[in-house]
Amino acid sequence: MDKRSLAQMAQRFRDAEQRAEILRQELAVAIRQADTDGVAQKDICEATGYTRQQVRRIVLAGEAEEAAES
């Protein structure tokens, strides 16, 4: 592994991290929308693989953001 190859690999990793962050945010929006639409928390958990606590945190964070914007 030479320096150039290592730098390319590091850049690919940073790019993947950015894409993952964007997708994480999009998934959070989708979870909040599903909650608003009345999808059962159990179903959200099954679809996402998240725990109920993780789903609650995501939904509550969205509510806090909305309250701050008001």
PDB file of N, CA and C in Angstrom:
ATOM      1  N   MET A   1       0.864  -1.178   0.000  1.00  0.00           N
ATOM      2  CA  MET A   1       0.000   0.000   0.000  1.00  0.00           C
ATOM      3  C   MET A   1       0.901   1.229   0.000  1.00  0.00           C
ATOM      4  N   ASP A   2       0.775   2.035  -1.022  1.00  0.00           N
ATOM      5  CA  ASP A   2       1.563   3.264  -1.071  1.00  0.00           C
ATOM      6  C   ASP A   2       0.737   4.432  -0.539  1.00  0.00           C
ATOM      7  N   LYS A   3       1.396   5.571  -0.392  1.00  0.00           N
ATOM      8  CA  LYS A   3       0.766   6.752   0.190  1.00  0.00           C
ATOM      9  C   LYS A   3      -0.449   7.199  -0.623  1.00  0.00           C
ATOM     10  N   ARG A   4      -0.334   7.174  -1.923  1.00  0.00           N
ATOM     11  CA  ARG A   4      -1.444   7.614  -2.785  1.00  0.00           C
ATOM     12  C   ARG A   4      -2.651   6.691  -2.621  1.00  0.00           C
ATOM     13  N   SER A   5      -2.426   5.399  -2.609  1.00  0.00           N
ATOM     14  CA  SER A   5      -3.520   4.431  -2.434  1.00  0.00           C
ATOM     15  C   SER A   5      -4.182   4.592  -1.077  1.00  0.00           C
ATOM     16  N   LEU A   6      -3.357   4.823  -0.062  1.00  0.00           N
ATOM     17  CA  LEU A   6      -3.893   5.027   1.280  1.00  0.00           C
ATOM     18  C   LEU A   6      -4.745   6.290   1.340  1.00  0.00           C
ATOM     19  N   ALA A   7      -4.277   7.358   0.705  1.00  0.00           N
ATOM     20  CA  ALA A   7      -5.033   8.612   0.678  1.00  0.00           C
ATOM     21  C   ALA A   7      -6.364   8.426  -0.050  1.00  0.00           C
ATOM     22  N   GLN A   8      -6.340   7.669  -1.147  1.00  0.00           N
ATOM     23  CA  GLN A   8      -7.582   7.404  -1.878  1.00  0.00           C
ATOM     24  C   GLN A   8      -8.565   6.615  -1.020  1.00  0.00           C
ATOM     25  N   MET A   9      -8.056   5.618  -0.311  1.00  0.00           N
ATOM     26  CA  MET A   9      -8.916   4.823   0.561  1.00  0.00           C
ATOM     27  C   MET A   9      -9.499   5.679   1.675  1.00  0.00           C
ATOM     28  N   ALA A  10      -8.684   6.542   2.246  1.00  0.00           N
ATOM     29  CA  ALA A  10      -9.162   7.432   3.305  1.00  0.00           C
ATOM     30  C   ALA A  10     -10.248   8.373   2.773  1.00  0.00           C
ATOM     31  N   GLN A  11     -10.074   8.863   1.556  1.00  0.00           N
ATOM     32  CA  GLN A  11     -11.080   9.748   0.959  1.00  0.00           C
ATOM     33  C   GLN A  11     -12.374   8.991   0.698  1.00  0.00           C
ATOM     34  N   ARG A  12     -12.268   7.770   0.207  1.00  0.00           N
ATOM     35  CA  ARG A  12     -13.474   6.955  -0.014  1.00  0.00           C
ATOM     36  C   ARG A  12     -14.210   6.742   1.307  1.00  0.00           C
ATOM     37  N   PHE A  13     -13.463   6.533   2.371  1.00  0.00           N
ATOM     38  CA  PHE A  13     -14.071   6.345   3.689  1.00  0.00           C
ATOM     39  C   PHE A  13     -14.794   7.613   4.132  1.00  0.00           C
ATOM     40  N   ARG A  14     -14.150   8.772   3.973  1.00  0.00           N
ATOM     41  CA  ARG A  14     -14.792  10.039   4.354  1.00  0.00           C
ATOM     42  C   ARG A  14     -16.044  10.292   3.524  1.00  0.00           C
ATOM     43  N   ASP A  15     -15.988   9.975   2.242  1.00  0.00           N
ATOM     44  CA  ASP A  15     -17.165  10.129   1.374  1.00  0.00           C
ATOM     45  C   ASP A  15     -18.306   9.222   1.844  1.00  0.00           C
ATOM     46  N   ALA A  16     -17.978   8.002   2.216  1.00  0.00           N
ATOM     47  CA  ALA A  16     -18.997   7.055   2.704  1.00  0.00           C
ATOM     48  C   ALA A  16     -19.594   7.547   4.012  1.00  0.00           C
ATOM     49  N   GLU A  17     -18.772   8.141   4.869  1.00  0.00           N
ATOM     50  CA  GLU A  17     -19.287   8.701   6.128  1.00  0.00           C
ATOM     51  C   GLU A  17     -20.295   9.821   5.851  1.00  0.00           C
ATOM     52  N   GLN A  18     -19.986  10.663   4.885  1.00  0.00           N
ATOM     53  CA  GLN A  18     -20.901  11.754   4.534  1.00  0.00           C
ATOM     54  C   GLN A  18     -22.225  11.203   4.005  1.00  0.00           C
ATOM     55  N   ARG A  19     -22.145  10.222   3.118  1.00  0.00           N
ATOM     56  CA  ARG A  19     -23.362   9.621   2.570  1.00  0.00           C
ATOM     57  C   ARG A  19     -24.177   8.961   3.689  1.00  0.00           C
ATOM     58  N   ALA A  20     -23.501   8.284   4.597  1.00  0.00           N
ATOM     59  CA  ALA A  20     -24.190   7.628   5.706  1.00  0.00           C
ATOM     60  C   ALA A  20     -24.904   8.650   6.583  1.00  0.00           C
ATOM     61  N   GLU A  21     -24.284   9.781   6.815  1.00  0.00           N
ATOM     62  CA  GLU A  21     -24.907  10.830   7.639  1.00  0.00           C
ATOM     63  C   GLU A  21     -26.157  11.384   6.956  1.00  0.00           C
ATOM     64  N   ILE A  22     -26.074  11.598   5.665  1.00  0.00           N
ATOM     65  CA  ILE A  22     -27.239  12.085   4.917  1.00  0.00           C
ATOM     66  C   ILE A  22     -28.370  11.065   4.986  1.00  0.00           C
ATOM     67  N   LEU A  23     -28.050   9.802   4.790  1.00  0.00           N
ATOM     68  CA  LEU A  23     -29.070   8.749   4.850  1.00  0.00           C
ATOM     69  C   LEU A  23     -29.649   8.609   6.252  1.00  0.00           C
ATOM     70  N   ARG A  24     -28.809   8.783   7.280  1.00  0.00           N
ATOM     71  CA  ARG A  24     -29.289   8.712   8.659  1.00  0.00           C
ATOM     72  C   ARG A  24     -30.329   9.804   8.907  1.00  0.00           C
ATOM     73  N   GLN A  25     -30.045  11.000   8.418  1.00  0.00           N
ATOM     74  CA  GLN A  25     -30.980  12.113   8.581  1.00  0.00           C
ATOM     75  C   GLN A  25     -32.276  11.858   7.807  1.00  0.00           C
ATOM     76  N   GLU A  26     -32.154  11.310   6.598  1.00  0.00           N
ATOM     77  CA  GLU A  26     -33.346  11.012   5.800  1.00  0.00           C
ATOM     78  C   GLU A  26     -34.194   9.936   6.476  1.00  0.00           C
ATOM     79  N   LEU A  27     -33.534   8.945   7.066  1.00  0.00           N
ATOM     80  CA  LEU A  27     -34.267   7.893   7.777  1.00  0.00           C
ATOM     81  C   LEU A  27     -34.980   8.472   8.992  1.00  0.00           C
ATOM     82  N   ALA A  28     -34.342   9.385   9.693  1.00  0.00           N
ATOM     83  CA  ALA A  28     -34.980  10.017  10.849  1.00  0.00           C
ATOM     84  C   ALA A  28     -36.245  10.768  10.426  1.00  0.00           C
ATOM     85  N   VAL A  29     -36.172  11.473   9.315  1.00  0.00           N
ATOM     86  CA  VAL A  29     -37.349  12.182   8.791  1.00  0.00           C
ATOM     87  C   VAL A  29     -38.445  11.177   8.450  1.00  0.00           C
ATOM     88  N   ALA A  30     -38.069  10.073   7.828  1.00  0.00           N
ATOM     89  CA  ALA A  30     -39.046   9.047   7.462  1.00  0.00           C
ATOM     90  C   ALA A  30     -39.681   8.420   8.704  1.00  0.00           C
ATOM     91  N   ILE A  31     -38.898   8.201   9.737  1.00  0.00           N
ATOM     92  CA  ILE A  31     -39.432   7.649  10.990  1.00  0.00           C
ATOM     93  C   ILE A  31     -40.424   8.616  11.605  1.00  0.00           C
ATOM     94  N   ARG A  32     -40.077   9.889  11.630  1.00  0.00           N
ATOM     95  CA  ARG A  32     -41.001  10.894  12.189  1.00  0.00           C
ATOM     96  C   ARG A  32     -42.294  10.962  11.378  1.00  0.00           C
ATOM     97  N   GLN A  33     -42.169  10.861  10.061  1.00  0.00           N
ATOM     98  CA  GLN A  33     -43.359  10.892   9.215  1.00  0.00           C
ATOM     99  C   GLN A  33     -44.215   9.658   9.458  1.00  0.00           C
ATOM    100  N   ALA A  34     -43.595   8.506   9.584  1.00  0.00           N
ATOM    101  CA  ALA A  34     -44.343   7.277   9.869  1.00  0.00           C
ATOM    102  C   ALA A  34     -45.074   7.403  11.197  1.00  0.00           C
ATOM    103  N   ASP A  35     -44.413   7.984  12.194  1.00  0.00           N
ATOM    104  CA  ASP A  35     -45.053   8.193  13.492  1.00  0.00           C
ATOM    105  C   ASP A  35     -46.247   9.130  13.351  1.00  0.00           C
ATOM    106  N   THR A  36     -46.066  10.206  12.615  1.00  0.00           N
ATOM    107  CA  THR A  36     -47.157  11.161  12.381  1.00  0.00           C
ATOM    108  C   THR A  36     -48.315  10.504  11.645  1.00  0.00           C
ATOM    109  N   ASP A  37     -47.989   9.604  10.719  1.00  0.00           N
ATOM    110  CA  ASP A  37     -49.012   8.917   9.931  1.00  0.00           C
ATOM    111  C   ASP A  37     -49.699   7.795  10.697  1.00  0.00           C
ATOM    112  N   GLY A  38     -49.250   7.571  11.944  1.00  0.00           N
ATOM    113  CA  GLY A  38     -49.912   6.572  12.771  1.00  0.00           C
ATOM    114  C   GLY A  38     -49.372   5.156  12.652  1.00  0.00           C
ATOM    115  N   VAL A  39     -48.209   4.993  12.039  1.00  0.00           N
ATOM    116  CA  VAL A  39     -47.606   3.663  11.959  1.00  0.00           C
ATOM    117  C   VAL A  39     -47.214   3.251  13.380  1.00  0.00           C
ATOM    118  N   ALA A  40     -47.554   2.043  13.755  1.00  0.00           N
ATOM    119  CA  ALA A  40     -47.255   1.558  15.103  1.00  0.00           C
ATOM    120  C   ALA A  40     -45.745   1.537  15.333  1.00  0.00           C
ATOM    121  N   GLN A  41     -45.353   1.916  16.558  1.00  0.00           N
ATOM    122  CA  GLN A  41     -43.934   1.935  16.903  1.00  0.00           C
ATOM    123  C   GLN A  41     -43.301   0.558  16.673  1.00  0.00           C
ATOM    124  N   LYS A  42     -44.022  -0.478  16.974  1.00  0.00           N
ATOM    125  CA  LYS A  42     -43.554  -1.856  16.761  1.00  0.00           C
ATOM    126  C   LYS A  42     -43.195  -2.059  15.294  1.00  0.00           C
ATOM    127  N   ASP A  43     -44.035  -1.561  14.395  1.00  0.00           N
ATOM    128  CA  ASP A  43     -43.787  -1.713  12.961  1.00  0.00           C
ATOM    129  C   ASP A  43     -42.589  -0.881  12.502  1.00  0.00           C
ATOM    130  N   ILE A  44     -42.443   0.308  13.062  1.00  0.00           N
ATOM    131  CA  ILE A  44     -41.281   1.146  12.737  1.00  0.00           C
ATOM    132  C   ILE A  44     -40.007   0.423  13.165  1.00  0.00           C
ATOM    133  N   CYS A  45     -40.035  -0.163  14.350  1.00  0.00           N
ATOM    134  CA  CYS A  45     -38.872  -0.898  14.857  1.00  0.00           C
ATOM    135  C   CYS A  45     -38.533  -2.087  13.961  1.00  0.00           C
ATOM    136  N   GLU A  46     -39.544  -2.818  13.560  1.00  0.00           N
ATOM    137  CA  GLU A  46     -39.312  -3.974  12.691  1.00  0.00           C
ATOM    138  C   GLU A  46     -38.738  -3.554  11.346  1.00  0.00           C
ATOM    139  N   ALA A  47     -39.239  -2.459  10.797  1.00  0.00           N
ATOM    140  CA  ALA A  47     -38.790  -2.004   9.479  1.00  0.00           C
ATOM    141  C   ALA A  47     -37.371  -1.450   9.509  1.00  0.00           C
ATOM    142  N   THR A  48     -37.001  -0.803  10.614  1.00  0.00           N
ATOM    143  CA  THR A  48     -35.707  -0.132  10.678  1.00  0.00           C
ATOM    144  C   THR A  48     -34.626  -0.924  11.409  1.00  0.00           C
ATOM    145  N   GLY A  49     -35.050  -1.840  12.273  1.00  0.00           N
ATOM    146  CA  GLY A  49     -34.084  -2.549  13.101  1.00  0.00           C
ATOM    147  C   GLY A  49     -33.691  -1.762  14.335  1.00  0.00           C
ATOM    148  N   TYR A  50     -34.307  -0.607  14.531  1.00  0.00           N
ATOM    149  CA  TYR A  50     -34.038   0.212  15.709  1.00  0.00           C
ATOM    150  C   TYR A  50     -34.847  -0.305  16.887  1.00  0.00           C
ATOM    151  N   THR A  51     -34.387   0.017  18.092  1.00  0.00           N
ATOM    152  CA  THR A  51     -35.134  -0.329  19.294  1.00  0.00           C
ATOM    153  C   THR A  51     -36.240   0.700  19.500  1.00  0.00           C
ATOM    154  N   ARG A  52     -37.178   0.365  20.357  1.00  0.00           N
ATOM    155  CA  ARG A  52     -38.250   1.323  20.677  1.00  0.00           C
ATOM    156  C   ARG A  52     -37.672   2.609  21.249  1.00  0.00           C
ATOM    157  N   GLN A  53     -36.642   2.467  22.087  1.00  0.00           N
ATOM    158  CA  GLN A  53     -36.016   3.653  22.690  1.00  0.00           C
ATOM    159  C   GLN A  53     -35.382   4.538  21.624  1.00  0.00           C
ATOM    160  N   GLN A  54     -34.722   3.942  20.647  1.00  0.00           N
ATOM    161  CA  GLN A  54     -34.125   4.728  19.566  1.00  0.00           C
ATOM    162  C   GLN A  54     -35.202   5.466  18.775  1.00  0.00           C
ATOM    163  N   VAL A  55     -36.307   4.782  18.501  1.00  0.00           N
ATOM    164  CA  VAL A  55     -37.402   5.413  17.758  1.00  0.00           C
ATOM    165  C   VAL A  55     -37.982   6.561  18.574  1.00  0.00           C
ATOM    166  N   ARG A  56     -38.187   6.349  19.866  1.00  0.00           N
ATOM    167  CA  ARG A  56     -38.712   7.426  20.721  1.00  0.00           C
ATOM    168  C   ARG A  56     -37.794   8.637  20.693  1.00  0.00           C
ATOM    169  N   ARG A  57     -36.489   8.404  20.796  1.00  0.00           N
ATOM    170  CA  ARG A  57     -35.539   9.518  20.784  1.00  0.00           C
ATOM    171  C   ARG A  57     -35.612  10.297  19.470  1.00  0.00           C
ATOM    172  N   ILE A  58     -35.712   9.589  18.370  1.00  0.00           N
ATOM    173  CA  ILE A  58     -35.783  10.238  17.057  1.00  0.00           C
ATOM    174  C   ILE A  58     -37.054  11.070  16.948  1.00  0.00           C
ATOM    175  N   VAL A  59     -38.177  10.500  17.368  1.00  0.00           N
ATOM    176  CA  VAL A  59     -39.456  11.218  17.301  1.00  0.00           C
ATOM    177  C   VAL A  59     -39.430  12.435  18.220  1.00  0.00           C
ATOM    178  N   LEU A  60     -38.938  12.264  19.443  1.00  0.00           N
ATOM    179  CA  LEU A  60     -38.895  13.380  20.389  1.00  0.00           C
ATOM    180  C   LEU A  60     -37.933  14.466  19.934  1.00  0.00           C
ATOM    181  N   ALA A  61     -36.835  14.083  19.304  1.00  0.00           N
ATOM    182  CA  ALA A  61     -35.891  15.082  18.784  1.00  0.00           C
ATOM    183  C   ALA A  61     -36.550  15.928  17.700  1.00  0.00           C
ATOM    184  N   GLY A  62     -37.368  15.299  16.874  1.00  0.00           N
ATOM    185  CA  GLY A  62     -38.100  16.031  15.850  1.00  0.00           C
ATOM    186  C   GLY A  62     -39.096  16.998  16.442  1.00  0.00           C
ATOM    187  N   GLU A  63     -39.765  16.566  17.514  1.00  0.00           N
ATOM    188  CA  GLU A  63     -40.725  17.451  18.189  1.00  0.00           C
ATOM    189  C   GLU A  63     -40.016  18.638  18.819  1.00  0.00           C
ATOM    190  N   ALA A  64     -38.835  18.398  19.385  1.00  0.00           N
ATOM    191  CA  ALA A  64     -38.058  19.479  19.996  1.00  0.00           C
ATOM    192  C   ALA A  64     -37.606  20.478  18.931  1.00  0.00           C
ATOM    193  N   GLU A  65     -37.221  19.976  17.761  1.00  0.00           N
ATOM    194  CA  GLU A  65     -36.817  20.863  16.668  1.00  0.00           C
ATOM    195  C   GLU A  65     -37.983  21.727  16.204  1.00  0.00           C
ATOM    196  N   GLU A  66     -39.159  21.115  16.106  1.00  0.00           N
ATOM    197  CA  GLU A  66     -40.351  21.868  15.679  1.00  0.00           C
ATOM    198  C   GLU A  66     -40.709  22.932  16.698  1.00  0.00           C
ATOM    199  N   ALA A  67     -40.596  22.615  17.985  1.00  0.00           N
ATOM    200  CA  ALA A  67     -40.921  23.574  19.041  1.00  0.00           C
ATOM    201  C   ALA A  67     -39.932  24.751  19.020  1.00  0.00           C
ATOM    202  N   ALA A  68     -38.669  24.454  18.739  1.00  0.00           N
ATOM    203  CA  ALA A  68     -37.662  25.502  18.686  1.00  0.00           C
ATOM    204  C   ALA A  68     -37.879  26.446  17.516  1.00  0.00           C
ATOM    205  N   GLU A  69     -38.442  25.914  16.424  1.00  0.00           N
ATOM    206  CA  GLU A  69     -38.691  26.743  15.242  1.00  0.00           C
ATOM    207  C   GLU A  69     -39.897  27.649  15.424  1.00  0.00           C
ATOM    208  N   SER A  70     -40.766  27.303  16.339  1.00  0.00           N
ATOM    209  CA  SER A  70     -41.997  28.094  16.551  1.00  0.00           C
ATOM    210  C   SER A  70     -41.757  29.339  17.341  1.00  0.00           C
TER     211      SER A  70
END
